[in-house]
Structure formats: structure tokens, C-alpha cells
C-alpha atoms as a PDB file:
ATOM      1  CA  MET A   1    -178.723 234.347  16.436  1.00  0.00           C
ATOM      2  CA  GLY A   2    -175.895 236.080  18.278  1.00  0.00           C
ATOM      3  CA  ALA A   3    -173.297 238.648  17.303  1.00  0.00           C
ATOM      4  CA  LEU A   4    -169.706 238.316  16.135  1.00  0.00           C
ATOM      5  CA  VAL A   5    -167.291 241.221  16.577  1.00  0.00           C
ATOM      6  CA  THR A   6    -163.782 241.361  15.135  1.00  0.00           C
ATOM      7  CA  LEU A   7    -161.257 243.778  13.703  1.00  0.00           C
ATOM      8  CA  ASP A   8    -161.557 244.876  10.103  1.00  0.00           C
ATOM      9  CA  LEU A   9    -157.944 244.621   8.957  1.00  0.00           C
ATOM     10  CA  PRO A  10    -156.309 245.245   5.591  1.00  0.00           C
ATOM     11  CA  ASP A  11    -155.138 242.158   3.715  1.00  0.00           C
ATOM     12  CA  ASP A  12    -151.482 243.008   4.404  1.00  0.00           C
ATOM     13  CA  SER A  13    -151.852 243.565   8.169  1.00  0.00           C
ATOM     14  CA  PRO A  14    -149.184 241.761  10.204  1.00  0.00           C
ATOM     15  CA  MET A  15    -151.859 241.095  12.838  1.00  0.00           C
ATOM     16  CA  LEU A  16    -153.483 238.525  10.550  1.00  0.00           C
ATOM     17  CA  GLY A  17    -150.607 236.122  11.219  1.00  0.00           C
ATOM     18  CA  LEU A  18    -150.899 236.344  15.011  1.00  0.00           C
ATOM     19  CA  PRO A  19    -152.725 233.790  17.129  1.00  0.00           C
ATOM     20  CA  TRP A  20    -156.372 234.794  17.759  1.00  0.00           C
ATOM     21  CA  ILE A  21    -158.673 234.241  20.714  1.00  0.00           C
ATOM     22  CA  ILE A  22    -162.451 234.165  21.021  1.00  0.00           C
ATOM     23  CA  THR A  23    -164.268 235.628  24.008  1.00  0.00           C
ATOM     24  CA  PHE A  24    -167.854 234.436  24.332  1.00  0.00           C
ATOM     25  CA  GLY A  25    -170.214 236.363  26.572  1.00  0.00           C
ATOM     26  CA  PRO A  26    -173.841 237.271  27.071  1.00  0.00           C
ATOM     27  CA  LEU A  27    -175.438 239.281  24.289  1.00  0.00           C
ATOM     28  CA  GLY A  28    -177.564 241.419  26.593  1.00  0.00           C
ATOM     29  CA  ASP A  29    -177.424 242.862  30.058  1.00  0.00           C
ATOM     30  CA  ILE A  30    -180.047 240.437  31.364  1.00  0.00           C
ATOM     31  CA  ASP A  31    -177.695 237.455  31.416  1.00  0.00           C
ATOM     32  CA  GLU A  32    -174.808 237.687  33.830  1.00  0.00           C
ATOM     33  CA  TRP A  33    -172.057 235.121  33.629  1.00  0.00           C
ATOM     34  CA  GLU A  34    -168.316 235.194  33.260  1.00  0.00           C
ATOM     35  CA  PRO A  35    -167.098 235.319  29.660  1.00  0.00           C
ATOM     36  CA  VAL A  36    -165.467 232.213  28.236  1.00  0.00           C
ATOM     37  CA  VAL A  37    -162.139 232.736  26.474  1.00  0.00           C
ATOM     38  CA  CYS A  38    -160.972 230.134  23.931  1.00  0.00           C
ATOM     39  CA  GLY A  39    -157.830 229.876  21.881  1.00  0.00           C
ATOM     40  CA  PRO A  40    -155.336 230.558  20.569  1.00  0.00           C
ATOM     41  CA  TYR A  41    -156.410 229.768  17.029  1.00  0.00           C
ATOM     42  CA  GLU A  42    -155.431 230.841  13.576  1.00  0.00           C
ATOM     43  CA  ARG A  43    -157.652 233.736  12.517  1.00  0.00           C
ATOM     44  CA  LEU A  44    -159.852 231.852  10.041  1.00  0.00           C
ATOM     45  CA  HIS A  45    -160.362 229.003  12.507  1.00  0.00           C
ATOM     46  CA  ALA A  46    -161.335 231.476  15.238  1.00  0.00           C
ATOM     47  CA  LEU A  47    -163.808 233.240  12.957  1.00  0.00           C
ATOM     48  CA  ALA A  48    -165.366 229.964  11.806  1.00  0.00           C
ATOM     49  CA  LEU A  49    -165.727 228.609  15.342  1.00  0.00           C
ATOM     50  CA  ALA A  50    -167.191 231.855  16.650  1.00  0.00           C
ATOM     51  CA  GLU A  51    -169.608 232.055  13.727  1.00  0.00           C
ATOM     52  CA  ALA A  52    -170.770 228.459  14.274  1.00  0.00           C
ATOM     53  CA  VAL A  53    -171.480 229.098  17.957  1.00  0.00           C
ATOM     54  CA  VAL A  54    -173.270 232.445  17.634  1.00  0.00           C
ATOM     55  CA  ALA A  55    -175.343 231.192  14.693  1.00  0.00           C
ATOM     56  CA  GLU A  56    -177.270 228.985  17.098  1.00  0.00           C
ATOM     57  CA  GLU A  57    -176.997 230.857  20.407  1.00  0.00           C
ATOM     58  CA  GLU A  58    -177.891 234.328  21.703  1.00  0.00           C
ATOM     59  CA  LEU A  59    -174.253 235.114  22.519  1.00  0.00           C
ATOM     60  CA  MET A  60    -171.641 237.685  21.625  1.00  0.00           C
ATOM     61  CA  ALA A  61    -168.298 236.459  20.321  1.00  0.00           C
ATOM     62  CA  VAL A  62    -165.314 238.789  20.133  1.00  0.00           C
ATOM     63  CA  VAL A  63    -162.518 237.490  17.911  1.00  0.00           C
ATOM     64  CA  GLU A  64    -159.257 239.333  18.450  1.00  0.00           C
ATOM     65  CA  PRO A  65    -155.529 238.809  18.000  1.00  0.00           C
ATOM     66  CA  LEU A  66    -153.494 237.573  20.901  1.00  0.00           C
ATOM     67  CA  LEU A  67    -150.601 239.979  21.270  1.00  0.00           C
ATOM     68  CA  PRO A  68    -147.692 238.020  22.728  1.00  0.00           C
ATOM     69  CA  ALA A  69    -145.744 240.432  24.918  1.00  0.00           C
ATOM     70  CA  VAL A  70    -142.165 239.607  25.818  1.00  0.00           C
ATOM     71  CA  SER A  71    -141.690 242.021  28.731  1.00  0.00           C
ATOM     72  CA  ALA A  72    -143.597 243.745  31.518  1.00  0.00           C
ATOM     73  CA  GLU A  73    -142.718 247.077  29.907  1.00  0.00           C
ATOM     74  CA  GLU A  74    -144.343 246.017  26.639  1.00  0.00           C
ATOM     75  CA  ILE A  75    -147.496 245.049  28.570  1.00  0.00           C
ATOM     76  CA  ARG A  76    -147.486 248.405  30.375  1.00  0.00           C
ATOM     77  CA  GLY A  77    -147.231 250.156  27.002  1.00  0.00           C
ATOM     78  CA  GLU A  78    -150.279 248.246  25.709  1.00  0.00           C
ATOM     79  CA  ILE A  79    -152.222 249.150  28.869  1.00  0.00           C
ATOM     80  CA  VAL A  80    -151.369 252.844  28.483  1.00  0.00           C
ATOM     81  CA  ALA A  81    -152.370 252.748  24.802  1.00  0.00           C
ATOM     82  CA  ALA A  82    -155.714 251.132  25.709  1.00  0.00           C
ATOM     83  CA  GLN A  83    -156.330 253.719  28.430  1.00  0.00           C
ATOM     84  CA  VAL A  84    -155.557 256.611  26.069  1.00  0.00           C
ATOM     85  CA  ALA A  85    -157.846 255.120  23.421  1.00  0.00           C
ATOM     86  CA  ALA A  86    -160.653 254.777  25.980  1.00  0.00           C
ATOM     87  CA  GLU A  87    -160.195 258.386  27.100  1.00  0.00           C
ATOM     88  CA  ASP A  88    -160.246 259.560  23.475  1.00  0.00           C
ATOM     89  CA  GLU A  89    -163.425 257.575  22.805  1.00  0.00           C
ATOM     90  CA  THR A  90    -165.083 259.001  25.930  1.00  0.00           C
ATOM     91  CA  ALA A  91    -164.167 262.545  24.892  1.00  0.00           C
ATOM     92  CA  ARG A  92    -165.449 261.906  21.372  1.00  0.00           C
ATOM     93  CA  MET A  93    -168.737 260.516  22.678  1.00  0.00           C
ATOM     94  CA  GLU A  94    -169.211 263.418  25.105  1.00  0.00           C
ATOM     95  CA  GLY A  95    -168.633 265.901  22.282  1.00  0.00           C
ATOM     96  CA  ALA A  96    -170.895 264.162  19.787  1.00  0.00           C
ATOM     97  CA  ASP A  97    -174.422 265.206  18.957  1.00  0.00           C
ATOM     98  CA  LEU A  98    -175.978 261.951  20.108  1.00  0.00           C
ATOM     99  CA  TYR A  99    -179.062 262.186  17.944  1.00  0.00           C
ATOM    100  CA  GLY A 100    -177.672 263.709  14.758  1.00  0.00           C
ATOM    101  CA  ASP A 101    -174.515 261.629  14.537  1.00  0.00           C
ATOM    102  CA  PHE A 102    -176.278 258.348  15.242  1.00  0.00           C
ATOM    103  CA  GLU A 103    -179.179 258.851  12.877  1.00  0.00           C
ATOM    104  CA  ASP A 104    -176.929 260.084  10.071  1.00  0.00           C
ATOM    105  CA  THR A 105    -174.725 257.013  10.072  1.00  0.00           C
ATOM    106  CA  ILE A 106    -176.779 254.106  11.366  1.00  0.00           C
ATOM    107  CA  ASP A 107    -178.768 253.569   8.152  1.00  0.00           C
ATOM    108  CA  GLU A 108    -175.589 253.559   6.057  1.00  0.00           C
ATOM    109  CA  GLU A 109    -173.904 251.116   8.443  1.00  0.00           C
ATOM    110  CA  LEU A 110    -176.908 248.790   8.470  1.00  0.00           C
ATOM    111  CA  GLU A 111    -177.151 248.837   4.675  1.00  0.00           C
ATOM    112  CA  GLU A 112    -173.434 248.131   4.349  1.00  0.00           C
ATOM    113  CA  ALA A 113    -173.633 245.248   6.846  1.00  0.00           C
ATOM    114  CA  ALA A 114    -176.652 243.790   5.054  1.00  0.00           C
ATOM    115  CA  ALA A 115    -174.862 243.976   1.693  1.00  0.00           C
ATOM    116  CA  GLN A 116    -171.863 242.158   3.143  1.00  0.00           C
ATOM    117  CA  ASP A 117    -174.088 239.503   4.734  1.00  0.00           C
ATOM    118  CA  ASP A 118    -175.842 238.833   1.422  1.00  0.00           C
ATOM    119  CA  HIS A 119    -172.553 237.950  -0.289  1.00  0.00           C
ATOM    120  CA  ALA A 120    -170.663 236.272   2.543  1.00  0.00           C
ATOM    121  CA  GLU A 121    -171.001 232.545   2.901  1.00  0.00           C
ATOM    122  CA  PRO A 122    -170.712 231.311   6.480  1.00  0.00           C
ATOM    123  CA  LEU A 123    -167.418 229.672   7.228  1.00  0.00           C
ATOM    124  CA  ALA A 124    -167.586 225.974   8.014  1.00  0.00           C
ATOM    125  CA  PRO A 125    -166.218 225.221  11.473  1.00  0.00           C
ATOM    126  CA  PRO A 126    -162.776 223.603  11.302  1.00  0.00           C
ATOM    127  CA  THR A 127    -162.361 219.959  12.173  1.00  0.00           C
ATOM    128  CA  GLU A 128    -160.420 218.859  15.224  1.00  0.00           C
ATOM    129  CA  ALA A 129    -157.524 217.829  12.952  1.00  0.00           C
ATOM    130  CA  GLU A 130    -157.480 221.262  11.295  1.00  0.00           C
ATOM    131  CA  LEU A 131    -157.473 222.958  14.707  1.00  0.00           C
ATOM    132  CA  ARG A 132    -154.637 220.771  15.973  1.00  0.00           C
ATOM    133  CA  ALA A 133    -152.589 221.551  12.863  1.00  0.00           C
ATOM    134  CA  GLY A 134    -153.276 225.231  13.499  1.00  0.00           C
ATOM    135  CA  PHE A 135    -152.109 224.861  17.119  1.00  0.00           C
ATOM    136  CA  GLU A 136    -148.853 223.370  15.865  1.00  0.00           C
ATOM    137  CA  ARG A 137    -148.325 226.262  13.432  1.00  0.00           C
ATOM    138  CA  ILE A 138    -149.017 228.783  16.220  1.00  0.00           C
ATOM    139  CA  ALA A 139    -146.586 227.014  18.549  1.00  0.00           C
ATOM    140  CA  ALA A 140    -143.947 227.043  15.808  1.00  0.00           C
ATOM    141  CA  LYS A 141    -144.404 230.802  15.324  1.00  0.00           C
ATOM    142  CA  LEU A 142    -144.217 231.522  19.040  1.00  0.00           C
ATOM    143  CA  THR A 143    -141.112 229.408  19.563  1.00  0.00           C
ATOM    144  CA  GLY A 144    -139.335 230.520  16.387  1.00  0.00           C
ATOM    145  CA  ARG A 145    -139.417 227.083  14.772  1.00  0.00           C
ATOM    146  CA  ALA A 146    -140.230 226.688  11.104  1.00  0.00           C
ATOM    147  CA  GLY A 147    -143.860 225.654  10.661  1.00  0.00           C
END
């Protein structure tokens, strides 16, 4: 069984309505191959597809929104934001007590994840027809047509 990683968003997040992509890659450092990026999909379709693949393979799937940028300046802004976030994370990690912080939270996180897994039914992968309908809805959103 592999791993699925995605954003935990509130129910009213505007990101939920964006197109989503899946990046499949090796789960460990032993395997070295170029990640495979699939999409765009509607969020639930992306989650279901990713879940179906990692359920049977030792892979990591990252499901994330596709942020359509409409200018080079908007892209530059996203790059700067990602760089600042990475610097903040590095500073936080360097300042953390690696043993105390990890041990204090890991058990709680594992228990919480296990509780969620016990109640969550796996999503059934969408059919080709459902995916194609999703593609049409995404295209309508991106082009400003009613969908």
C-alpha cells in the first residue's frame, strides 16, 4: 500500500472548485524515476483515482489544486510565496527540538489518522464517462462558459 497526500481544506474553500492534478512518484528513496503528473481532474475524481492506484502499489500520490495563472507576474508571486514558505519551514525545523517535538506529536497524529481511516470508506474510482464529464466542467470553468 502506498501513500496519498493532499491538502486538508475547509468545506467552504474556493480551492475545492479548482482543477486538481495528481503527481505519482516513488514512495522511498530506493526507487528513482521521474514522477508522473496526471490531470486536471475535479477534486473528488483526483482523490479517487489516486487512492485506487496507491491502494495496490508502493507509490506516493500527491493530489493538489492546479492554480491557473493568467500572467507571468502572478506566477512570480506564487514562486516567491513558495520560497518564503520553504525558508520559514527550514527555520522552524532548525529551531525545533527534534526529539521532543516529534515524540510529543507523532502518537497523536497516528491515532488521529487511524481514527479517520476506520470511518472513511475508500472512494470508488470514477468511470471514463465520469472523468470526461469532469473534463468538460473544468474546461467550462477555465474558459468562462457555463458548465
